[in-house]
Amino acid sequence: MPPILLEAIQRRYACRRFVADQPVAAAELAVLREAGRLAPSAFGLEPWRFITLEDGAQRDRKSTRL
């Protein structure tokens, strides 16, 4: 296993709580979206989509439609 991959796995973090008044920087959000886009899947057959909400009002409107 490449050392960089092992390091990334060791440093992973599962966020348990989100803080509304600490938004993610635009550049960091772009990196997260790209990482999700490049994440492996079985033959690329699984449907996926990313929904990015930037304020509570958007979240409330989207959650009723999902």
Protein backbone atom coordinates (compact mmCIF):
# COMPACT_ATOMS: atom_id res chain seq x y z
CA MET A 1 0.00 0.00 0.00
CA PRO A 2 1.45 3.40 -0.91
CA PRO A 3 2.49 5.38 2.20
CA ILE A 4 0.39 8.39 1.18
CA LEU A 5 -2.75 6.23 1.03
CA LEU A 6 -2.05 4.68 4.41
CA GLU A 7 -1.51 8.16 5.89
CA ALA A 8 -4.80 9.39 4.44
CA ILE A 9 -6.67 6.42 5.89
CA GLN A 10 -5.09 6.93 9.31
CA ARG A 11 -6.04 10.63 9.33
CA ARG A 12 -9.67 10.20 8.28
CA TYR A 13 -12.34 11.72 10.47
CA ALA A 14 -16.06 11.16 10.77
CA CYS A 15 -17.78 14.41 11.70
CA ARG A 16 -20.45 13.83 14.31
CA ARG A 17 -21.80 17.37 14.52
CA PHE A 18 -21.85 20.32 12.18
CA VAL A 19 -21.59 23.91 13.35
CA ALA A 20 -23.84 26.26 11.39
CA ASP A 21 -21.80 29.39 12.06
CA GLN A 22 -18.55 27.86 10.74
CA PRO A 23 -19.01 27.55 6.98
CA VAL A 24 -16.56 25.62 4.85
CA ALA A 25 -14.31 27.85 2.72
CA ALA A 26 -15.07 27.82 -1.00
CA ALA A 27 -11.65 26.38 -1.89
CA GLU A 28 -12.02 23.61 0.68
CA LEU A 29 -15.53 22.82 -0.57
CA ALA A 30 -14.18 22.53 -4.13
CA VAL A 31 -11.57 20.00 -2.94
CA LEU A 32 -14.26 17.99 -1.11
CA ARG A 33 -16.46 17.91 -4.21
CA GLU A 34 -13.56 16.76 -6.37
CA ALA A 35 -12.64 14.05 -3.86
CA GLY A 36 -16.22 12.79 -3.91
CA ARG A 37 -16.29 12.85 -7.70
CA LEU A 38 -13.08 10.82 -7.88
CA ALA A 39 -14.03 8.31 -5.18
CA PRO A 40 -14.07 4.75 -6.51
CA SER A 41 -17.23 2.77 -7.12
CA ALA A 42 -17.97 -0.65 -8.53
CA PHE A 43 -17.58 -0.11 -12.29
CA GLY A 44 -18.97 3.42 -11.90
CA LEU A 45 -22.51 2.07 -12.04
CA GLU A 46 -23.86 3.52 -8.80
CA PRO A 47 -25.90 6.67 -9.31
CA TRP A 48 -24.72 9.59 -7.20
CA ARG A 49 -25.25 13.26 -6.77
CA PHE A 50 -23.93 15.91 -4.43
CA ILE A 51 -26.16 18.53 -2.91
CA THR A 52 -24.36 21.50 -1.41
CA LEU A 53 -26.37 23.82 0.80
CA GLU A 54 -24.90 27.02 2.09
CA ASP A 55 -27.58 28.27 4.49
CA GLY A 56 -30.25 26.88 6.79
CA ALA A 57 -33.13 28.17 4.67
CA GLN A 58 -31.86 26.24 1.67
CA ARG A 59 -31.53 23.10 3.81
CA ASP A 60 -35.09 23.41 5.07
CA ARG A 61 -36.47 23.83 1.54
CA LYS A 62 -34.39 20.95 0.10
CA SER A 63 -35.19 18.47 2.88
CA THR A 64 -38.90 18.64 2.06
CA ARG A 65 -38.18 17.75 -1.61
CA LEU A 66 -35.66 14.91 -1.14
